[in-house]
Amino acid sequence: MDIRLDGRVALVTGAAQGIGQAIARALKEAGCLVVVADRDGEGLNAFAVAEAMMPIILDVSRREAAHDAVHSIVDHQGRLDILVNAAGGVRGQVGGPVEAVTEESWRILFEANVDGAFWLSQAASVPMAAQGWGRIVNIASGAGLRPSLTGIQAYTAAKHALVGLTKQLSQDLGPKGITTNAVAPGFVRSNPATERQWQSYGPEGQARLVQGIHTRRLGTAEDIANATLFLASEQAGWISGQILSVDGGRS
């Protein structure tokens, strides 16, 4: 299958590292004009310069900032066709007992993983609906379908919420020509947080994790990017409201 997206404009969040960067590269290679966003300005700008992409330093959890980012893209490019919500993660948190969770630590993971995806989807749905074509792809997690390997309660709850949001947006936006899907990655060593998690397992724990994967290997950021590229394509036009597990068969 030859996936081409020539002339399309895409926004990819969480593009200062890992999976977000791999998705941005895949979309660019398919012919998209790609705008990348992240709150990490240093990492984002270095990537954007290397890949000749337009950067937007953005805290996705702030509604006004998210809407301004979408408006800026449409003002400059005349359209926005594809939104990939890859921002999120654990924000430096680690697993712990239920009684130790604070209100701040709980809310910050919902802001990062759910609020941002909604505010950007809300804003992007307007120009997408006007042109009668759009693709929204949320990067969820296996933690959105079952308990998380991280042991972080708020992360698990937030990713489950993102899965629910994906299905609701599919229903709401589908009649306007916009599909909404999610990719649920398995374990991918794509950023400092996942690398710390991997090292914390030790050799025996690492071996057990890999043995629990049907393909007997960890995933890569490119594995996730390939799935995202398909869901953003013309060929996936009758796929919506779906959660695609990309985890080597672990699920």
C-alpha atoms as a PDB file:
ATOM      1  CA  MET A   1       0.000   0.000   0.000  1.00  0.00           C
ATOM      2  CA  ASP A   2       1.473   3.319  -1.085  1.00  0.00           C
ATOM      3  CA  ILE A   3       0.301   5.986   1.329  1.00  0.00           C
ATOM      4  CA  ARG A   4       0.585   9.505  -0.034  1.00  0.00           C
ATOM      5  CA  LEU A   5      -0.660  12.647   1.667  1.00  0.00           C
ATOM      6  CA  ASP A   6       0.664  15.258  -0.730  1.00  0.00           C
ATOM      7  CA  GLY A   7      -0.778  18.705  -0.103  1.00  0.00           C
ATOM      8  CA  ARG A   8      -2.135  17.829   3.330  1.00  0.00           C
ATOM      9  CA  VAL A   9      -1.229  19.887   6.400  1.00  0.00           C
ATOM     10  CA  ALA A  10      -0.614  18.057   9.677  1.00  0.00           C
ATOM     11  CA  LEU A  11      -0.080  19.108  13.283  1.00  0.00           C
ATOM     12  CA  VAL A  12       1.811  16.686  15.530  1.00  0.00           C
ATOM     13  CA  THR A  13       2.099  17.416  19.244  1.00  0.00           C
ATOM     14  CA  GLY A  14       4.641  15.889  21.612  1.00  0.00           C
ATOM     15  CA  ALA A  15       7.241  16.208  18.854  1.00  0.00           C
ATOM     16  CA  ALA A  16      10.283  17.087  20.973  1.00  0.00           C
ATOM     17  CA  GLN A  17      11.109  13.405  21.356  1.00  0.00           C
ATOM     18  CA  GLY A  18      10.369   9.792  20.581  1.00  0.00           C
ATOM     19  CA  ILE A  19       7.043   8.769  19.130  1.00  0.00           C
ATOM     20  CA  GLY A  20       5.967  12.297  18.203  1.00  0.00           C
ATOM     21  CA  GLN A  21       9.120  12.807  16.165  1.00  0.00           C
ATOM     22  CA  ALA A  22       8.750   9.478  14.374  1.00  0.00           C
ATOM     23  CA  ILE A  23       5.155  10.316  13.449  1.00  0.00           C
ATOM     24  CA  ALA A  24       6.152  13.754  12.157  1.00  0.00           C
ATOM     25  CA  ARG A  25       8.870  12.203   9.965  1.00  0.00           C
ATOM     26  CA  ALA A  26       6.480   9.584   8.576  1.00  0.00           C
ATOM     27  CA  LEU A  27       3.905  12.219   7.641  1.00  0.00           C
ATOM     28  CA  LYS A  28       6.569  14.390   6.021  1.00  0.00           C
ATOM     29  CA  GLU A  29       7.844  11.447   3.975  1.00  0.00           C
ATOM     30  CA  ALA A  30       4.270  10.838   2.797  1.00  0.00           C
ATOM     31  CA  GLY A  31       4.113  14.382   1.432  1.00  0.00           C
ATOM     32  CA  CYS A  32       2.557  16.367   4.282  1.00  0.00           C
ATOM     33  CA  LEU A  33       3.524  19.811   5.327  1.00  0.00           C
ATOM     34  CA  VAL A  34       4.102  19.111   9.023  1.00  0.00           C
ATOM     35  CA  VAL A  35       3.801  21.523  11.935  1.00  0.00           C
ATOM     36  CA  VAL A  36       5.264  20.223  15.191  1.00  0.00           C
ATOM     37  CA  ALA A  37       4.412  21.329  18.721  1.00  0.00           C
ATOM     38  CA  ASP A  38       5.705  20.699  22.222  1.00  0.00           C
ATOM     39  CA  ARG A  39       6.240  22.572  25.466  1.00  0.00           C
ATOM     40  CA  ASP A  40       9.967  21.672  25.338  1.00  0.00           C
ATOM     41  CA  GLY A  41      11.144  24.522  23.155  1.00  0.00           C
ATOM     42  CA  GLU A  42      14.782  23.513  22.990  1.00  0.00           C
ATOM     43  CA  GLY A  43      14.124  19.938  21.905  1.00  0.00           C
ATOM     44  CA  LEU A  44      11.330  20.971  19.565  1.00  0.00           C
ATOM     45  CA  ASN A  45      13.293  23.676  17.779  1.00  0.00           C
ATOM     46  CA  ALA A  46      16.309  21.419  17.260  1.00  0.00           C
ATOM     47  CA  PHE A  47      14.079  18.787  15.652  1.00  0.00           C
ATOM     48  CA  ALA A  48      12.136  21.313  13.563  1.00  0.00           C
ATOM     49  CA  VAL A  49      15.304  22.863  12.174  1.00  0.00           C
ATOM     50  CA  ALA A  50      16.787  19.451  11.319  1.00  0.00           C
ATOM     51  CA  GLU A  51      13.590  18.321   9.583  1.00  0.00           C
ATOM     52  CA  ALA A  52      12.540  21.663   8.047  1.00  0.00           C
ATOM     53  CA  MET A  53       9.233  21.730   9.906  1.00  0.00           C
ATOM     54  CA  MET A  54       7.367  24.651  11.441  1.00  0.00           C
ATOM     55  CA  PRO A  55       7.604  24.584  15.275  1.00  0.00           C
ATOM     56  CA  ILE A  56       5.047  25.886  17.767  1.00  0.00           C
ATOM     57  CA  ILE A  57       6.016  25.943  21.428  1.00  0.00           C
ATOM     58  CA  LEU A  58       2.787  24.930  23.107  1.00  0.00           C
ATOM     59  CA  ASP A  59       1.329  23.824  26.418  1.00  0.00           C
ATOM     60  CA  VAL A  60      -1.528  21.755  25.003  1.00  0.00           C
ATOM     61  CA  SER A  61      -3.439  21.742  28.280  1.00  0.00           C
ATOM     62  CA  ARG A  62      -4.357  25.433  27.915  1.00  0.00           C
ATOM     63  CA  ARG A  63      -7.468  25.891  25.786  1.00  0.00           C
ATOM     64  CA  GLU A  64      -6.623  29.369  24.514  1.00  0.00           C
ATOM     65  CA  ALA A  65      -3.098  28.351  23.536  1.00  0.00           C
ATOM     66  CA  ALA A  66      -4.350  25.228  21.756  1.00  0.00           C
ATOM     67  CA  HIS A  67      -6.932  27.206  19.797  1.00  0.00           C
ATOM     68  CA  ASP A  68      -4.403  29.909  18.919  1.00  0.00           C
ATOM     69  CA  ALA A  69      -2.024  27.274  17.561  1.00  0.00           C
ATOM     70  CA  VAL A  70      -4.683  25.840  15.251  1.00  0.00           C
ATOM     71  CA  HIS A  71      -5.778  29.295  14.105  1.00  0.00           C
ATOM     72  CA  SER A  72      -2.158  30.204  13.336  1.00  0.00           C
ATOM     73  CA  ILE A  73      -1.711  27.118  11.164  1.00  0.00           C
ATOM     74  CA  VAL A  74      -4.905  27.765   9.232  1.00  0.00           C
ATOM     75  CA  ASP A  75      -4.005  31.446   8.797  1.00  0.00           C
ATOM     76  CA  HIS A  76      -0.559  30.572   7.397  1.00  0.00           C
ATOM     77  CA  GLN A  77      -1.330  27.390   5.448  1.00  0.00           C
ATOM     78  CA  GLY A  78      -4.980  27.858   4.590  1.00  0.00           C
ATOM     79  CA  ARG A  79      -6.009  24.479   6.017  1.00  0.00           C
ATOM     80  CA  LEU A  80      -5.429  21.788   8.621  1.00  0.00           C
ATOM     81  CA  ASP A  81      -6.109  18.210   7.572  1.00  0.00           C
ATOM     82  CA  ILE A  82      -4.485  15.961  10.157  1.00  0.00           C
ATOM     83  CA  LEU A  83      -4.110  16.285  13.927  1.00  0.00           C
ATOM     84  CA  VAL A  84      -1.996  13.808  15.862  1.00  0.00           C
ATOM     85  CA  ASN A  85      -2.267  14.208  19.627  1.00  0.00           C
ATOM     86  CA  ALA A  86       0.976  12.574  20.763  1.00  0.00           C
ATOM     87  CA  ALA A  87       1.662  14.875  23.719  1.00  0.00           C
ATOM     88  CA  GLY A  88       1.156  13.413  27.163  1.00  0.00           C
ATOM     89  CA  GLY A  89       3.139  10.887  29.137  1.00  0.00           C
ATOM     90  CA  VAL A  90       3.780  10.561  32.853  1.00  0.00           C
ATOM     91  CA  ARG A  91       5.329  13.994  33.461  1.00  0.00           C
ATOM     92  CA  GLY A  92       8.140  12.528  35.559  1.00  0.00           C
ATOM     93  CA  GLN A  93       5.861  10.610  37.894  1.00  0.00           C
ATOM     94  CA  VAL A  94       6.454   7.078  39.103  1.00  0.00           C
ATOM     95  CA  GLY A  95       4.100   4.479  40.496  1.00  0.00           C
ATOM     96  CA  GLY A  96       3.181   4.528  44.154  1.00  0.00           C
ATOM     97  CA  PRO A  97       0.449   3.636  46.640  1.00  0.00           C
ATOM     98  CA  VAL A  98      -3.066   4.935  46.109  1.00  0.00           C
ATOM     99  CA  GLU A  99      -3.037   6.885  49.361  1.00  0.00           C
ATOM    100  CA  ALA A 100       0.009   8.901  48.267  1.00  0.00           C
ATOM    101  CA  VAL A 101      -1.599  10.443  45.154  1.00  0.00           C
ATOM    102  CA  THR A 102      -2.039  14.225  45.449  1.00  0.00           C
ATOM    103  CA  GLU A 103      -4.615  16.390  43.741  1.00  0.00           C
ATOM    104  CA  GLU A 104      -1.891  18.168  41.773  1.00  0.00           C
ATOM    105  CA  SER A 105      -0.238  14.960  40.547  1.00  0.00           C
ATOM    106  CA  TRP A 106      -3.624  13.580  39.523  1.00  0.00           C
ATOM    107  CA  ARG A 107      -4.759  16.648  37.636  1.00  0.00           C
ATOM    108  CA  ILE A 108      -1.511  17.286  35.776  1.00  0.00           C
ATOM    109  CA  LEU A 109      -1.719  13.930  34.007  1.00  0.00           C
ATOM    110  CA  PHE A 110      -5.280  14.575  32.910  1.00  0.00           C
ATOM    111  CA  GLU A 111      -4.261  18.006  31.640  1.00  0.00           C
ATOM    112  CA  ALA A 112      -1.377  16.533  29.656  1.00  0.00           C
ATOM    113  CA  ASN A 113      -3.095  13.452  28.256  1.00  0.00           C
ATOM    114  CA  VAL A 114      -6.780  14.368  27.937  1.00  0.00           C
ATOM    115  CA  ASP A 115      -7.368  18.117  28.141  1.00  0.00           C
ATOM    116  CA  GLY A 116      -4.860  18.913  25.410  1.00  0.00           C
ATOM    117  CA  ALA A 117      -6.243  16.312  23.036  1.00  0.00           C
ATOM    118  CA  PHE A 118      -9.737  17.714  23.481  1.00  0.00           C
ATOM    119  CA  TRP A 119      -8.853  21.406  23.127  1.00  0.00           C
ATOM    120  CA  LEU A 120      -6.856  20.763  19.957  1.00  0.00           C
ATOM    121  CA  SER A 121      -9.520  18.472  18.500  1.00  0.00           C
ATOM    122  CA  GLN A 122     -12.158  21.058  19.314  1.00  0.00           C
ATOM    123  CA  ALA A 123     -10.238  23.761  17.470  1.00  0.00           C
ATOM    124  CA  ALA A 124      -9.147  21.567  14.548  1.00  0.00           C
ATOM    125  CA  SER A 125     -12.653  20.242  13.942  1.00  0.00           C
ATOM    126  CA  VAL A 126     -13.801  23.648  12.665  1.00  0.00           C
ATOM    127  CA  PRO A 127     -11.503  23.954   9.621  1.00  0.00           C
ATOM    128  CA  MET A 128     -11.698  20.198   9.009  1.00  0.00           C
ATOM    129  CA  ALA A 129     -15.506  20.318   8.947  1.00  0.00           C
ATOM    130  CA  ALA A 130     -15.440  23.328   6.621  1.00  0.00           C
ATOM    131  CA  GLN A 131     -13.423  21.368   4.065  1.00  0.00           C
ATOM    132  CA  GLY A 132     -15.337  18.116   4.684  1.00  0.00           C
ATOM    133  CA  TRP A 133     -12.200  16.072   5.409  1.00  0.00           C
ATOM    134  CA  GLY A 134     -10.107  15.502   8.506  1.00  0.00           C
ATOM    135  CA  ARG A 135      -8.156  12.940  10.462  1.00  0.00           C
ATOM    136  CA  ILE A 136      -7.637  12.993  14.222  1.00  0.00           C
ATOM    137  CA  VAL A 137      -5.341  10.350  15.687  1.00  0.00           C
ATOM    138  CA  ASN A 138      -4.820  10.176  19.445  1.00  0.00           C
ATOM    139  CA  ILE A 139      -1.798   8.378  20.846  1.00  0.00           C
ATOM    140  CA  ALA A 140      -3.278   6.457  23.740  1.00  0.00           C
ATOM    141  CA  SER A 141      -1.553   3.506  25.417  1.00  0.00           C
ATOM    142  CA  GLY A 142      -2.021  -0.071  26.443  1.00  0.00           C
ATOM    143  CA  ALA A 143      -2.642   1.646  29.786  1.00  0.00           C
ATOM    144  CA  GLY A 144      -5.874   2.945  28.279  1.00  0.00           C
ATOM    145  CA  LEU A 145      -7.150  -0.608  27.917  1.00  0.00           C
ATOM    146  CA  ARG A 146      -5.855  -2.335  31.045  1.00  0.00           C
ATOM    147  CA  PRO A 147      -3.846  -1.507  34.207  1.00  0.00           C
ATOM    148  CA  SER A 148      -0.579   0.247  33.444  1.00  0.00           C
ATOM    149  CA  LEU A 149       2.904  -1.218  33.760  1.00  0.00           C
ATOM    150  CA  THR A 150       3.864   2.161  35.256  1.00  0.00           C
ATOM    151  CA  GLY A 151       1.627   1.665  38.293  1.00  0.00           C
ATOM    152  CA  ILE A 152       0.589   5.325  38.006  1.00  0.00           C
ATOM    153  CA  GLN A 153      -3.142   5.497  38.729  1.00  0.00           C
ATOM    154  CA  ALA A 154      -3.690   8.899  37.115  1.00  0.00           C
ATOM    155  CA  TYR A 155      -1.884   7.848  33.935  1.00  0.00           C
ATOM    156  CA  THR A 156      -4.049   4.749  33.577  1.00  0.00           C
ATOM    157  CA  ALA A 157      -7.227   6.736  34.230  1.00  0.00           C
ATOM    158  CA  ALA A 158      -6.221   9.505  31.821  1.00  0.00           C
ATOM    159  CA  LYS A 159      -5.429   7.095  28.983  1.00  0.00           C
ATOM    160  CA  HIS A 160      -8.756   5.312  29.550  1.00  0.00           C
ATOM    161  CA  ALA A 161     -10.398   8.743  29.315  1.00  0.00           C
ATOM    162  CA  LEU A 162      -8.567   9.416  26.053  1.00  0.00           C
ATOM    163  CA  VAL A 163      -9.916   6.154  24.632  1.00  0.00           C
ATOM    164  CA  GLY A 164     -13.443   7.232  25.588  1.00  0.00           C
ATOM    165  CA  LEU A 165     -12.901  10.673  24.114  1.00  0.00           C
ATOM    166  CA  THR A 166     -11.753   9.091  20.856  1.00  0.00           C
ATOM    167  CA  LYS A 167     -14.984   7.143  20.538  1.00  0.00           C
ATOM    168  CA  GLN A 168     -17.148  10.144  21.404  1.00  0.00           C
ATOM    169  CA  LEU A 169     -15.385  12.442  18.937  1.00  0.00           C
ATOM    170  CA  SER A 170     -15.801   9.788  16.248  1.00  0.00           C
ATOM    171  CA  GLN A 171     -19.560   9.889  16.746  1.00  0.00           C
ATOM    172  CA  ASP A 172     -19.707  13.671  16.939  1.00  0.00           C
ATOM    173  CA  LEU A 173     -17.370  14.504  14.044  1.00  0.00           C
ATOM    174  CA  GLY A 174     -17.909  11.577  11.685  1.00  0.00           C
ATOM    175  CA  PRO A 175     -20.897  13.181   9.914  1.00  0.00           C
ATOM    176  CA  LYS A 176     -18.626  16.133   9.076  1.00  0.00           C
ATOM    177  CA  GLY A 177     -16.083  14.001   7.216  1.00  0.00           C
ATOM    178  CA  ILE A 178     -13.671  13.704  10.138  1.00  0.00           C
ATOM    179  CA  THR A 179     -12.459  10.341  11.397  1.00  0.00           C
ATOM    180  CA  THR A 180     -11.141   9.957  14.931  1.00  0.00           C
ATOM    181  CA  ASN A 181      -9.061   6.966  15.994  1.00  0.00           C
ATOM    182  CA  ALA A 182      -6.399   6.101  18.526  1.00  0.00           C
ATOM    183  CA  VAL A 183      -3.214   4.077  18.538  1.00  0.00           C
ATOM    184  CA  ALA A 184      -2.477   2.209  21.779  1.00  0.00           C
ATOM    185  CA  PRO A 185       1.263   1.510  21.867  1.00  0.00           C
ATOM    186  CA  GLY A 186       2.811  -1.310  23.809  1.00  0.00           C
ATOM    187  CA  PHE A 187       6.131  -0.799  25.564  1.00  0.00           C
ATOM    188  CA  VAL A 188       8.424   1.409  23.490  1.00  0.00           C
ATOM    189  CA  ARG A 189      11.733   2.785  24.732  1.00  0.00           C
ATOM    190  CA  SER A 190      11.197   6.165  23.126  1.00  0.00           C
ATOM    191  CA  ASN A 191      11.953   8.782  25.795  1.00  0.00           C
ATOM    192  CA  PRO A 192      13.724   9.241  29.150  1.00  0.00           C
ATOM    193  CA  ALA A 193      10.646   8.144  31.130  1.00  0.00           C
ATOM    194  CA  THR A 194      10.260   4.831  29.324  1.00  0.00           C
ATOM    195  CA  GLU A 195      13.999   4.263  29.468  1.00  0.00           C
ATOM    196  CA  ARG A 196      13.962   4.724  33.263  1.00  0.00           C
ATOM    197  CA  GLN A 197      11.019   2.342  33.465  1.00  0.00           C
ATOM    198  CA  TRP A 198      12.854  -0.255  31.379  1.00  0.00           C
ATOM    199  CA  GLN A 199      15.999  -0.032  33.503  1.00  0.00           C
ATOM    200  CA  SER A 200      13.963  -0.359  36.705  1.00  0.00           C
ATOM    201  CA  TYR A 201      12.834  -3.854  35.687  1.00  0.00           C
ATOM    202  CA  GLY A 202      16.346  -5.295  35.724  1.00  0.00           C
ATOM    203  CA  PRO A 203      17.457  -8.138  33.432  1.00  0.00           C
ATOM    204  CA  GLU A 204      14.914 -10.660  34.721  1.00  0.00           C
ATOM    205  CA  GLY A 205      11.980  -8.274  34.526  1.00  0.00           C
ATOM    206  CA  GLN A 206      13.016  -7.147  31.055  1.00  0.00           C
ATOM    207  CA  ALA A 207      13.163 -10.755  29.877  1.00  0.00           C
ATOM    208  CA  ARG A 208       9.695 -11.471  31.310  1.00  0.00           C
ATOM    209  CA  LEU A 209       8.240  -8.448  29.566  1.00  0.00           C
ATOM    210  CA  VAL A 210       9.674  -9.452  26.187  1.00  0.00           C
ATOM    211  CA  GLN A 211       8.506 -13.052  26.643  1.00  0.00           C
ATOM    212  CA  GLY A 212       4.974 -11.748  27.151  1.00  0.00           C
ATOM    213  CA  ILE A 213       5.020 -10.171  23.676  1.00  0.00           C
ATOM    214  CA  HIS A 214       4.018 -12.517  20.847  1.00  0.00           C
ATOM    215  CA  THR A 215       6.667 -11.144  18.498  1.00  0.00           C
ATOM    216  CA  ARG A 216       9.316 -11.401  21.236  1.00  0.00           C
ATOM    217  CA  ARG A 217      10.593  -7.865  20.748  1.00  0.00           C
ATOM    218  CA  LEU A 218       9.879  -4.396  22.046  1.00  0.00           C
ATOM    219  CA  GLY A 219       8.218  -1.915  19.771  1.00  0.00           C
ATOM    220  CA  THR A 220       9.868   1.087  18.169  1.00  0.00           C
ATOM    221  CA  ALA A 221       8.676   4.628  17.633  1.00  0.00           C
ATOM    222  CA  GLU A 222       8.541   3.808  13.928  1.00  0.00           C
ATOM    223  CA  ASP A 223       6.079   0.975  14.600  1.00  0.00           C
ATOM    224  CA  ILE A 224       3.722   3.503  16.153  1.00  0.00           C
ATOM    225  CA  ALA A 225       4.335   6.015  13.364  1.00  0.00           C
ATOM    226  CA  ASN A 226       3.433   3.460  10.694  1.00  0.00           C
ATOM    227  CA  ALA A 227       0.079   2.742  12.333  1.00  0.00           C
ATOM    228  CA  THR A 228      -0.620   6.446  12.734  1.00  0.00           C
ATOM    229  CA  LEU A 229       0.232   7.124   9.097  1.00  0.00           C
ATOM    230  CA  PHE A 230      -2.302   4.530   7.985  1.00  0.00           C
ATOM    231  CA  LEU A 231      -5.076   5.977  10.160  1.00  0.00           C
ATOM    232  CA  ALA A 232      -4.311   9.424   8.726  1.00  0.00           C
ATOM    233  CA  SER A 233      -4.511   8.181   5.141  1.00  0.00           C
ATOM    234  CA  GLU A 234      -7.168   8.215   2.454  1.00  0.00           C
ATOM    235  CA  GLN A 235      -7.200   4.420   2.642  1.00  0.00           C
ATOM    236  CA  ALA A 236      -8.495   4.555   6.242  1.00  0.00           C
ATOM    237  CA  GLY A 237     -11.478   6.703   5.352  1.00  0.00           C
ATOM    238  CA  TRP A 238     -14.064   4.208   6.663  1.00  0.00           C
ATOM    239  CA  ILE A 239     -12.243   3.489   9.907  1.00  0.00           C
ATOM    240  CA  SER A 240     -13.339   5.611  12.846  1.00  0.00           C
ATOM    241  CA  GLY A 241     -13.829   5.255  16.574  1.00  0.00           C
ATOM    242  CA  GLN A 242     -11.242   2.471  16.705  1.00  0.00           C
ATOM    243  CA  ILE A 243      -8.396   1.817  19.130  1.00  0.00           C
ATOM    244  CA  LEU A 244      -5.532   0.083  17.335  1.00  0.00           C
ATOM    245  CA  SER A 245      -3.241  -1.809  19.708  1.00  0.00           C
ATOM    246  CA  VAL A 246       0.313  -1.763  18.353  1.00  0.00           C
ATOM    247  CA  ASP A 247       2.045  -3.973  20.878  1.00  0.00           C
ATOM    248  CA  GLY A 248       3.422  -7.047  19.161  1.00  0.00           C
ATOM    249  CA  GLY A 249       0.419  -9.092  20.219  1.00  0.00           C
ATOM    250  CA  ARG A 250       0.680  -8.502  23.971  1.00  0.00           C
ATOM    251  CA  SER A 251      -2.976  -7.457  24.161  1.00  0.00           C
END
